[in-house]
Amino acid sequence: MLLFILFFEIPAGMLAFLPVFVGKVPKSWKCISEHETVIMDSNEICQCNATRFSLSMTIVSEWELICESSWVVDSITTFQMFGMFFGNTIPPQISDWYGRKPTFIGLIFTMGLGQVGTALSINPYFFALSRFICGIGLAGYMTINGIYAIEFLTPSWRQLASCLGPLGEGVILLGILAYLIEPWRLLTWATAFPFISIIFMVPFLPESPRWLLKQKRIEEAEGVIRYIAGVNKAEVHHLDILKKIAAQESGSSDTRFSYLDLFRRKELRRKTILFIGIWFCWALQYFGISFNVRNFGVSPYLMLILLGGADCIGFRAALLVNNRLGRRTALILFNGVSSVFFLALGFIQLFLELEEYKILFIVFILLGKLGVAGARSSVRCLTVESYPVSIRTMGFGMARISAAIGGIAAPQLAYIGTMWPAVPLFTFAILGILGSLISILLKETGGKPLQDDLNAPEGNAKVVPIVSKNKKKLHKNGPLKPITIRRTKSF
């Protein structure tokens, strides 16, 4: 399940940052008139009143998005981020209403459709619409993939769904492909191709048994449990327990919750507002750094590959601390680390000669990005584990709406960085500090069973063994009975 669900983070990572390369401004231009051809750079080409031409094949050269039209490129990237706003609102509700599996498949199809539309774009308007569709699919997928996977995992293994995703590998692969494939349409086709693999995975993807039980579709849940046991070569015991679990769930199978339910209950409202703040800080940091690579004075290909490598290390680094320190403490730690390095970078940018300290500058950027990546793994785990199954995806989606808003602001922050390079760096440091302070107010979820019932008090959980590879040990003391563990404050 982890392999099939998280695999698509590779093409999703390429999709997210494709505008960095397809919207790159060519350095060399030709001003072609009837009498002569003059070679100009990107700063001089606006003086050309004749035909403008560049050998660099990007949307900027194809549609002449320079001079008075230079604002269009960043606006198109903002359109993608605006699509992410809708991707964080509509798909999560569909997932909680109609199931994890069909929503997951639909979102993969949406991302693929957006990429195909991007490659076939005939003008900036069609291109912007295609990136908007990409944004919907990207945000929806990044919301549901962790939830879909986490509902198959027990507490000690749940962090794998948030930490093993190969998003960083996708960013690295994009940097390599962009270096090897210059024509922007061909590069877009190359990054769209992996989405086809969903066709071969569909028959092997089961629906979430937790979601099925919440909908009181007991026979289908039994089928999924038997399928899991068959793949794992395990024994199946006491499937009648599933009926008891379904009977204990509050509400009928036709009950449909909405985003308003996140704000009707005091505790849900409190944690939702806190997560909204944390995700906004994280997204503005993460996307701001990536879209700001053009202002670092380093090859964008090399810089994006290095940033992808920092993602790979940061995501996995969270594996080492999430269970040991707890999700909340790990989140505070990673945010604090990123703030220290970005604050140092801001002062380097202001008071030192960047050319003399370029290596130190790059190292600090990567260490800051590593902290941001680690924070992403921790906050994903913490967010998903904080909501009951009936509104889990909507809760995660609502929190990530603010991430979409942060993503919308990120290209504009990068634009400010072209004029005042230190401003984005100090902004990243402040956002990390703010994220740490908000995280202190959250409750720890590490090692605790997931809450299934929206109306159950937090801290109550049913622990029911159903599948076991050790049949003898399971029946050592007679038939198993479902038990309830109530966690008190002292516990």
Protein backbone atom coordinates (compact mmCIF):
# COMPACT_ATOMS: atom_id res chain seq x y z
CA MET A 1 0.00 0.00 0.00
CA LEU A 2 2.82 2.41 0.84
CA LEU A 3 4.56 1.66 -2.46
CA PHE A 4 1.45 2.14 -4.61
CA ILE A 5 0.07 5.19 -2.79
CA LEU A 6 3.30 7.10 -2.18
CA PHE A 7 4.89 6.33 -5.57
CA PHE A 8 2.99 9.19 -7.18
CA GLU A 9 4.85 11.72 -5.02
CA ILE A 10 7.63 11.38 -7.63
CA PRO A 11 5.59 12.77 -10.58
CA ALA A 12 3.76 15.10 -8.15
CA GLY A 13 7.09 16.64 -7.13
CA MET A 14 7.97 17.17 -10.80
CA LEU A 15 4.53 18.66 -11.46
CA ALA A 16 4.79 21.10 -8.55
CA PHE A 17 8.05 22.71 -9.64
CA LEU A 18 7.81 22.35 -13.42
CA PRO A 19 7.09 26.13 -13.76
CA VAL A 20 10.62 26.85 -12.43
CA PHE A 21 12.04 25.57 -15.75
CA VAL A 22 9.29 25.99 -18.35
CA GLY A 23 8.92 29.63 -17.24
CA LYS A 24 12.65 30.38 -17.18
CA VAL A 25 13.66 33.67 -18.82
CA PRO A 26 16.32 33.03 -21.54
CA LYS A 27 19.57 34.92 -21.01
CA SER A 28 20.38 35.37 -24.69
CA TRP A 29 18.06 36.91 -27.30
CA LYS A 30 18.31 37.97 -30.94
CA CYS A 31 16.79 41.22 -32.17
CA ILE A 32 16.13 40.55 -35.86
CA SER A 33 15.40 43.49 -38.18
CA GLU A 34 15.52 43.87 -41.96
CA HIS A 35 19.09 45.09 -41.92
CA GLU A 36 20.80 43.28 -39.02
CA THR A 37 20.63 40.78 -36.20
CA VAL A 38 21.77 41.99 -32.78
CA ILE A 39 22.53 39.70 -29.82
CA MET A 40 21.03 41.02 -26.60
CA ASP A 41 20.66 39.77 -23.04
CA SER A 42 17.39 39.58 -21.11
CA ASN A 43 17.84 43.11 -19.73
CA GLU A 44 18.44 44.70 -23.15
CA ILE A 45 15.83 42.89 -25.23
CA CYS A 46 13.11 45.35 -24.23
CA GLN A 47 14.92 47.95 -26.34
CA CYS A 48 14.32 45.86 -29.44
CA ASN A 49 11.45 47.13 -31.60
CA ALA A 50 11.85 44.39 -34.20
CA THR A 51 11.39 40.60 -34.08
CA ARG A 52 12.60 39.00 -30.84
CA PHE A 53 13.92 35.45 -30.89
CA SER A 54 15.67 33.07 -28.48
CA LEU A 55 17.05 29.59 -29.01
CA SER A 56 16.03 28.69 -25.44
CA MET A 57 12.66 26.91 -25.74
CA THR A 58 10.50 28.05 -22.81
CA ILE A 59 7.04 29.59 -22.58
CA VAL A 60 8.76 32.97 -22.14
CA SER A 61 10.44 32.80 -25.55
CA GLU A 62 7.53 31.10 -27.33
CA TRP A 63 4.91 33.65 -26.21
CA GLU A 64 7.30 36.60 -25.61
CA LEU A 65 6.46 36.95 -21.92
CA ILE A 66 9.03 39.69 -21.37
CA CYS A 67 9.11 43.43 -20.75
CA GLU A 68 5.51 44.60 -20.22
CA SER A 69 4.36 40.94 -20.15
CA SER A 70 6.98 39.67 -17.70
CA TRP A 71 4.44 39.55 -14.86
CA VAL A 72 2.52 36.75 -16.62
CA VAL A 73 4.98 33.99 -15.69
CA ASP A 74 4.69 34.47 -11.93
CA SER A 75 0.94 34.93 -12.29
CA ILE A 76 0.64 31.56 -14.04
CA THR A 77 2.49 29.93 -11.13
CA THR A 78 0.04 31.66 -8.80
CA PHE A 79 -2.80 30.10 -10.82
CA GLN A 80 -1.35 26.66 -10.01
CA MET A 81 -1.28 27.56 -6.33
CA PHE A 82 -4.82 28.91 -6.57
CA GLY A 83 -5.85 25.49 -7.91
CA MET A 84 -4.30 23.98 -4.80
CA PHE A 85 -6.79 26.00 -2.75
CA PHE A 86 -9.67 24.11 -4.39
CA GLY A 87 -7.72 20.85 -4.23
CA ASN A 88 -7.60 21.18 -0.46
CA THR A 89 -11.36 21.75 -0.14
CA ILE A 90 -13.32 19.64 -2.65
CA PRO A 91 -11.41 16.28 -2.86
CA PRO A 92 -11.20 15.81 0.95
CA GLN A 93 -14.97 16.06 1.27
CA ILE A 94 -15.43 13.63 -1.64
CA SER A 95 -13.01 11.26 0.09
CA ASP A 96 -14.95 11.31 3.37
CA TRP A 97 -18.26 10.85 1.54
CA TYR A 98 -17.45 8.38 -1.23
CA GLY A 99 -14.25 6.64 -0.11
CA ARG A 100 -10.47 6.91 -0.22
CA LYS A 101 -9.85 4.67 -3.24
CA PRO A 102 -12.07 6.36 -5.89
CA THR A 103 -10.91 9.80 -4.77
CA PHE A 104 -7.26 8.73 -4.94
CA ILE A 105 -7.67 7.38 -8.48
CA GLY A 106 -9.56 10.49 -9.58
CA LEU A 107 -6.82 12.78 -8.29
CA ILE A 108 -4.08 10.87 -10.13
CA PHE A 109 -6.18 11.21 -13.30
CA THR A 110 -6.60 14.95 -12.62
CA MET A 111 -2.85 15.52 -12.29
CA GLY A 112 -2.20 13.57 -15.50
CA LEU A 113 -4.90 15.52 -17.34
CA GLY A 114 -3.41 18.82 -16.19
CA GLN A 115 0.05 17.83 -17.38
CA VAL A 116 -1.27 16.76 -20.79
CA GLY A 117 -3.13 20.07 -21.07
CA THR A 118 0.07 21.92 -20.17
CA ALA A 119 2.04 20.16 -22.92
CA LEU A 120 -0.67 20.94 -25.51
CA SER A 121 -1.16 24.60 -24.52
CA ILE A 122 -1.42 27.00 -27.45
CA ASN A 123 -1.35 30.25 -25.44
CA PRO A 124 -0.75 31.52 -21.87
CA TYR A 125 -4.48 31.34 -21.04
CA PHE A 126 -4.78 27.63 -21.81
CA PHE A 127 -1.48 27.06 -20.01
CA ALA A 128 -2.76 28.84 -16.89
CA LEU A 129 -5.99 26.77 -16.95
CA SER A 130 -3.97 23.55 -17.21
CA ARG A 131 -1.76 24.56 -14.28
CA PHE A 132 -4.91 25.34 -12.30
CA ILE A 133 -6.10 21.76 -12.93
CA CYS A 134 -2.65 20.49 -11.93
CA GLY A 135 -2.93 22.44 -8.68
CA ILE A 136 -6.29 20.84 -7.84
CA GLY A 137 -4.93 17.34 -8.41
CA LEU A 138 -1.63 18.02 -6.61
CA ALA A 139 -3.17 19.44 -3.42
CA GLY A 140 -5.88 16.79 -3.31
CA TYR A 141 -3.36 13.99 -3.76
CA MET A 142 -0.95 15.36 -1.15
CA THR A 143 -3.88 15.52 1.27
CA ILE A 144 -5.31 12.05 0.74
CA ASN A 145 -2.16 9.98 0.15
CA GLY A 146 -1.03 10.06 3.78
CA ILE A 147 -4.55 9.43 5.11
CA TYR A 148 -5.24 6.56 2.71
CA ALA A 149 -1.98 4.86 3.72
CA ILE A 150 -2.13 5.65 7.43
CA GLU A 151 -5.51 3.91 7.87
CA PHE A 152 -3.80 0.57 7.13
CA LEU A 153 -1.07 1.10 9.75
CA THR A 154 -0.77 0.61 13.51
CA PRO A 155 0.52 3.42 15.81
CA SER A 156 4.25 2.61 15.75
CA TRP A 157 4.26 2.40 11.94
CA ARG A 158 1.97 5.32 11.07
CA GLN A 159 4.80 7.81 10.62
CA LEU A 160 6.00 5.86 7.55
CA ALA A 161 3.08 7.28 5.56
CA SER A 162 4.35 10.81 6.24
CA CYS A 163 8.12 10.25 6.10
CA LEU A 164 8.76 7.77 3.27
CA GLY A 165 7.09 9.69 0.42
CA PRO A 166 9.58 10.21 -2.46
CA LEU A 167 8.65 13.86 -3.09
CA GLY A 168 12.31 14.86 -2.82
CA GLU A 169 13.31 12.22 -5.35
CA GLY A 170 10.74 13.70 -7.73
CA VAL A 171 12.30 17.15 -7.36
CA ILE A 172 15.78 15.72 -7.99
CA LEU A 173 14.54 13.88 -11.07
CA LEU A 174 12.94 17.09 -12.39
CA GLY A 175 16.26 18.93 -12.08
CA ILE A 176 18.04 16.18 -14.04
CA LEU A 177 15.36 15.97 -16.74
CA ALA A 178 15.22 19.76 -17.12
CA TYR A 179 19.00 19.82 -17.64
CA LEU A 180 18.81 17.07 -20.29
CA ILE A 181 15.56 18.13 -22.00
CA GLU A 182 15.39 21.83 -22.88
CA PRO A 183 12.19 22.09 -24.99
CA TRP A 184 9.47 22.84 -22.46
CA ARG A 185 6.75 20.75 -24.16
CA LEU A 186 8.95 17.66 -24.30
CA LEU A 187 9.92 18.15 -20.65
CA THR A 188 6.24 18.37 -19.69
CA TRP A 189 5.45 15.11 -21.55
CA ALA A 190 8.35 13.40 -19.75
CA THR A 191 7.00 14.45 -16.33
CA ALA A 192 3.42 13.41 -17.26
CA PHE A 193 4.32 9.87 -18.32
CA PRO A 194 4.52 8.26 -14.81
CA PHE A 195 0.83 8.97 -14.12
CA ILE A 196 -0.09 6.23 -16.62
CA SER A 197 1.06 3.61 -14.09
CA ILE A 198 -2.17 4.09 -12.07
CA ILE A 199 -3.89 1.84 -14.65
CA PHE A 200 -1.81 -1.14 -13.50
CA MET A 201 -2.24 -0.43 -9.77
CA VAL A 202 -6.03 -0.04 -9.56
CA PRO A 203 -6.82 -3.81 -9.27
CA PHE A 204 -4.52 -4.14 -6.25
CA LEU A 205 -5.74 -1.13 -4.24
CA PRO A 206 -8.36 -1.98 -1.57
CA GLU A 207 -10.65 0.55 0.06
CA SER A 208 -9.79 1.69 3.59
CA PRO A 209 -11.40 -0.80 6.04
CA ARG A 210 -11.74 1.98 8.62
CA TRP A 211 -13.78 4.07 6.19
CA LEU A 212 -15.91 1.04 5.22
CA LEU A 213 -16.73 0.29 8.86
CA LYS A 214 -17.64 3.91 9.45
CA GLN A 215 -20.10 3.58 6.55
CA LYS A 216 -21.32 0.25 8.04
CA ARG A 217 -20.35 -1.62 4.86
CA ILE A 218 -19.32 -4.63 6.93
CA GLU A 219 -19.16 -7.26 4.17
CA GLU A 220 -16.83 -5.10 2.09
CA ALA A 221 -14.65 -4.47 5.17
CA GLU A 222 -14.47 -8.23 5.76
CA GLY A 223 -13.36 -8.69 2.15
CA VAL A 224 -10.56 -6.14 2.59
CA ILE A 225 -9.41 -7.79 5.84
CA ARG A 226 -9.32 -11.20 4.11
CA TYR A 227 -7.42 -9.68 1.17
CA ILE A 228 -4.85 -8.13 3.54
CA ALA A 229 -4.47 -11.44 5.39
CA GLY A 230 -4.04 -13.29 2.09
CA VAL A 231 -1.28 -10.96 0.87
CA ASN A 232 0.50 -11.11 4.23
CA LYS A 233 -0.04 -14.90 4.60
CA ALA A 234 -1.68 -14.29 7.98
CA GLU A 235 -4.56 -15.84 9.92
CA VAL A 236 -7.95 -14.12 10.16
CA HIS A 237 -9.79 -14.24 13.52
CA HIS A 238 -13.08 -13.01 14.94
CA LEU A 239 -14.45 -11.11 11.96
CA ASP A 240 -17.70 -10.83 13.94
CA ILE A 241 -15.87 -8.11 15.90
CA LEU A 242 -16.23 -5.89 12.82
CA LYS A 243 -20.00 -5.87 13.29
CA LYS A 244 -19.57 -4.77 16.90
CA ILE A 245 -17.20 -1.99 15.87
CA ALA A 246 -19.62 -0.79 13.19
CA ALA A 247 -22.51 -0.92 15.68
CA GLN A 248 -20.59 1.24 18.17
CA GLU A 249 -19.95 3.95 15.59
CA SER A 250 -22.20 6.96 16.10
CA GLY A 251 -24.54 8.05 13.32
CA SER A 252 -25.91 6.09 10.40
CA SER A 253 -24.11 5.12 7.23
CA ASP A 254 -25.95 7.97 5.47
CA THR A 255 -24.58 10.62 7.87
CA ARG A 256 -22.42 13.09 5.99
CA PHE A 257 -20.27 15.60 7.79
CA SER A 258 -19.15 18.92 6.36
CA TYR A 259 -16.43 21.46 7.04
CA LEU A 260 -18.78 23.22 9.45
CA ASP A 261 -18.46 20.25 11.82
CA LEU A 262 -14.80 21.16 12.28
CA PHE A 263 -15.88 24.40 13.96
CA ARG A 264 -19.00 23.28 15.88
CA ARG A 265 -17.02 21.38 18.53
CA LYS A 266 -14.66 23.37 20.73
CA GLU A 267 -11.70 20.98 20.65
CA LEU A 268 -11.94 20.40 16.89
CA ARG A 269 -12.24 24.14 16.29
CA ARG A 270 -9.18 24.85 18.43
CA LYS A 271 -6.92 22.30 16.77
CA THR A 272 -8.13 23.23 13.27
CA ILE A 273 -7.24 26.90 13.78
CA LEU A 274 -3.81 25.93 15.12
CA PHE A 275 -3.12 23.62 12.18
CA ILE A 276 -4.20 26.34 9.74
CA GLY A 277 -1.52 28.62 11.19
CA ILE A 278 1.20 25.94 11.13
CA TRP A 279 0.49 24.83 7.55
CA PHE A 280 0.50 28.42 6.27
CA CYS A 281 3.93 29.04 7.81
CA TRP A 282 5.29 25.79 6.41
CA ALA A 283 3.96 26.26 2.86
CA LEU A 284 5.23 29.81 2.49
CA GLN A 285 8.65 28.57 3.61
CA TYR A 286 8.71 25.44 1.44
CA PHE A 287 7.42 26.88 -1.83
CA GLY A 288 9.10 30.24 -1.22
CA ILE A 289 12.53 28.59 -1.02
CA SER A 290 11.97 26.53 -4.18
CA PHE A 291 10.60 29.39 -6.29
CA ASN A 292 13.36 31.66 -4.97
CA VAL A 293 16.18 29.55 -6.51
CA ARG A 294 16.58 32.10 -9.32
CA ASN A 295 17.77 34.64 -6.73
CA PHE A 296 20.48 32.45 -5.18
CA GLY A 297 23.09 33.10 -7.88
CA VAL A 298 23.50 29.35 -8.54
CA SER A 299 22.46 27.21 -11.50
CA PRO A 300 18.73 26.52 -11.02
CA TYR A 301 19.24 22.91 -12.16
CA LEU A 302 21.91 22.25 -9.55
CA MET A 303 20.05 24.19 -6.86
CA LEU A 304 16.78 22.30 -7.34
CA ILE A 305 18.62 18.96 -7.29
CA LEU A 306 20.31 19.94 -4.02
CA LEU A 307 17.01 21.14 -2.53
CA GLY A 308 15.43 17.84 -3.52
CA GLY A 309 18.26 16.05 -1.76
CA ALA A 310 17.59 18.12 1.36
CA ASP A 311 13.94 17.02 1.14
CA CYS A 312 14.97 13.37 0.96
CA ILE A 313 17.12 13.65 4.08
CA GLY A 314 14.67 15.85 5.98
CA PHE A 315 11.65 13.60 5.36
CA ARG A 316 13.58 10.54 6.57
CA ALA A 317 15.18 12.39 9.48
CA ALA A 318 11.72 12.72 10.95
CA LEU A 319 11.61 8.91 11.20
CA LEU A 320 14.38 9.09 13.81
CA VAL A 321 12.62 11.54 16.10
CA ASN A 322 8.85 11.32 15.54
CA ASN A 323 8.40 8.25 17.75
CA ARG A 324 11.23 8.99 20.18
CA LEU A 325 10.44 12.64 20.90
CA GLY A 326 6.82 12.75 19.77
CA ARG A 327 5.31 14.47 16.73
CA ARG A 328 4.83 17.84 18.44
CA THR A 329 8.36 18.06 19.86
CA ALA A 330 9.84 16.99 16.52
CA LEU A 331 7.83 19.70 14.75
CA ILE A 332 9.08 22.37 17.17
CA LEU A 333 12.66 21.12 16.75
CA PHE A 334 12.62 21.13 12.94
CA ASN A 335 11.01 24.59 12.76
CA GLY A 336 13.60 25.94 15.19
CA VAL A 337 16.50 24.50 13.18
CA SER A 338 15.22 26.04 9.94
CA SER A 339 14.76 29.46 11.61
CA VAL A 340 18.35 29.55 12.88
CA PHE A 341 19.83 28.94 9.42
CA PHE A 342 17.50 31.32 7.57
CA LEU A 343 18.22 34.06 10.10
CA ALA A 344 21.95 33.55 9.53
CA LEU A 345 21.38 33.63 5.75
CA GLY A 346 19.58 36.95 6.02
CA PHE A 347 22.53 38.54 7.80
CA ILE A 348 25.00 37.03 5.31
CA GLN A 349 22.95 38.53 2.48
CA LEU A 350 22.89 41.95 4.16
CA PHE A 351 26.43 42.40 5.48
CA LEU A 352 28.78 40.07 3.58
CA GLU A 353 29.94 39.68 -0.01
CA LEU A 354 27.88 36.80 -1.32
CA GLU A 355 30.48 35.69 -3.88
CA GLU A 356 33.06 35.13 -1.14
CA TYR A 357 30.68 33.09 1.02
CA LYS A 358 28.68 31.33 -1.71
CA ILE A 359 29.48 27.81 -0.49
CA LEU A 360 28.51 28.70 3.08
CA PHE A 361 25.35 30.36 1.72
CA ILE A 362 24.35 27.20 -0.18
CA VAL A 363 25.10 24.93 2.80
CA PHE A 364 22.92 27.06 5.09
CA ILE A 365 20.09 27.07 2.52
CA LEU A 366 20.19 23.28 2.35
CA LEU A 367 20.26 22.92 6.14
CA GLY A 368 17.33 25.31 6.43
CA LYS A 369 15.43 23.38 3.76
CA LEU A 370 16.21 20.14 5.61
CA GLY A 371 14.51 21.56 8.69
CA VAL A 372 11.47 22.60 6.65
CA ALA A 373 11.26 19.11 5.11
CA GLY A 374 11.45 17.46 8.53
CA ALA A 375 8.70 19.77 9.79
CA ARG A 376 6.51 18.66 6.90
CA SER A 377 6.77 14.98 7.91
CA SER A 378 6.03 15.75 11.55
CA VAL A 379 3.08 18.07 10.94
CA ARG A 380 1.53 15.63 8.42
CA CYS A 381 1.63 12.88 11.04
CA LEU A 382 0.31 15.16 13.76
CA THR A 383 -2.54 16.54 11.61
CA VAL A 384 -3.79 13.19 10.31
CA GLU A 385 -3.70 11.58 13.76
CA SER A 386 -5.64 14.45 15.35
CA TYR A 387 -8.96 13.89 13.55
CA PRO A 388 -11.52 11.03 13.70
CA VAL A 389 -12.01 8.92 10.57
CA SER A 390 -15.38 10.46 9.57
CA ILE A 391 -13.84 13.92 9.02
CA ARG A 392 -10.14 13.04 8.89
CA THR A 393 -9.61 14.03 5.26
CA MET A 394 -11.70 17.19 5.61
CA GLY A 395 -9.76 18.17 8.73
CA PHE A 396 -6.47 17.63 6.93
CA GLY A 397 -7.80 19.45 3.87
CA MET A 398 -9.00 22.43 5.91
CA ALA A 399 -5.58 22.74 7.54
CA ARG A 400 -3.91 22.57 4.14
CA ILE A 401 -6.13 25.31 2.69
CA SER A 402 -3.83 27.72 4.45
CA ALA A 403 -0.91 25.89 2.81
CA ALA A 404 -2.47 26.74 -0.55
CA ILE A 405 -2.70 30.40 0.50
CA GLY A 406 0.97 30.27 1.49
CA GLY A 407 1.73 28.72 -1.89
CA ILE A 408 -0.14 31.52 -3.66
CA ALA A 409 2.00 34.10 -1.85
CA ALA A 410 5.29 32.22 -2.48
CA PRO A 411 5.88 33.36 -6.12
CA GLN A 412 5.25 36.96 -5.11
CA LEU A 413 7.75 36.61 -2.25
CA ALA A 414 10.27 35.30 -4.80
CA TYR A 415 9.53 38.35 -6.97
CA ILE A 416 10.28 40.62 -4.00
CA GLY A 417 13.54 38.69 -3.58
CA THR A 418 14.72 39.89 -7.01
CA MET A 419 14.76 43.44 -5.60
CA TRP A 420 15.55 42.83 -1.90
CA PRO A 421 17.22 39.38 -1.59
CA ALA A 422 17.34 39.41 2.22
CA VAL A 423 13.58 39.93 2.68
CA PRO A 424 12.51 36.34 1.82
CA LEU A 425 15.25 34.90 4.06
CA PHE A 426 14.20 36.87 7.13
CA THR A 427 10.57 36.02 6.32
CA PHE A 428 11.39 32.30 6.31
CA ALA A 429 13.08 32.65 9.73
CA ILE A 430 10.08 34.47 11.23
CA LEU A 431 7.68 31.86 9.82
CA GLY A 432 9.69 29.02 11.39
CA ILE A 433 9.64 30.71 14.80
CA LEU A 434 5.90 31.36 14.52
CA GLY A 435 5.27 27.73 13.53
CA SER A 436 7.19 26.52 16.60
CA LEU A 437 5.21 28.77 18.95
CA ILE A 438 1.87 27.58 17.57
CA SER A 439 2.96 23.92 17.79
CA ILE A 440 3.41 24.22 21.56
CA LEU A 441 -0.38 24.57 21.90
CA LEU A 442 -1.14 21.23 20.21
CA LYS A 443 -1.65 17.84 21.90
CA GLU A 444 0.71 14.93 21.28
CA THR A 445 -0.68 12.01 19.20
CA GLY A 446 2.33 9.70 18.95
CA GLY A 447 1.72 6.11 20.05
CA LYS A 448 -2.03 6.61 20.53
CA PRO A 449 -4.70 4.69 18.60
CA LEU A 450 -6.55 6.66 15.92
CA GLN A 451 -9.89 8.13 16.97
CA ASP A 452 -12.68 6.54 14.91
CA ASP A 453 -15.79 8.10 16.42
CA LEU A 454 -16.42 11.83 16.06
CA ASN A 455 -18.51 11.90 19.24
CA ALA A 456 -16.14 9.81 21.38
CA PRO A 457 -14.00 11.67 23.95
CA GLU A 458 -10.37 12.06 22.90
CA GLY A 459 -8.12 9.45 24.43
CA ASN A 460 -10.64 6.57 24.18
CA ALA A 461 -9.75 3.82 21.73
CA LYS A 462 -10.80 0.29 20.88
CA VAL A 463 -7.89 -2.13 20.47
CA VAL A 464 -9.08 -5.15 18.49
CA PRO A 465 -6.70 -7.84 17.15
CA ILE A 466 -8.19 -9.31 13.95
CA VAL A 467 -5.24 -10.51 11.87
CA SER A 468 -2.33 -12.44 13.37
CA LYS A 469 0.51 -14.57 12.04
CA ASN A 470 0.84 -16.36 15.39
CA LYS A 471 -2.37 -18.33 15.82
CA LYS A 472 -1.14 -20.28 18.85
CA LYS A 473 -0.17 -17.18 20.78
CA LEU A 474 -3.44 -15.45 19.88
CA HIS A 475 -5.54 -18.24 21.44
CA LYS A 476 -3.27 -18.98 24.39
CA ASN A 477 -5.72 -17.64 26.97
CA GLY A 478 -8.94 -18.50 25.16
CA PRO A 479 -11.08 -16.44 22.80
CA LEU A 480 -10.23 -12.79 22.48
CA LYS A 481 -12.68 -10.10 23.51
CA PRO A 482 -12.66 -6.49 22.36
CA ILE A 483 -11.32 -4.23 25.07
CA THR A 484 -11.45 -0.50 25.68
CA ILE A 485 -8.52 1.48 27.03
CA ARG A 486 -9.29 4.86 28.59
CA ARG A 487 -6.27 7.15 28.73
CA THR A 488 -6.35 9.38 31.82
CA LYS A 489 -4.27 12.51 32.26
CA SER A 490 -1.77 10.68 34.48
CA PHE A 491 -1.45 7.89 31.89
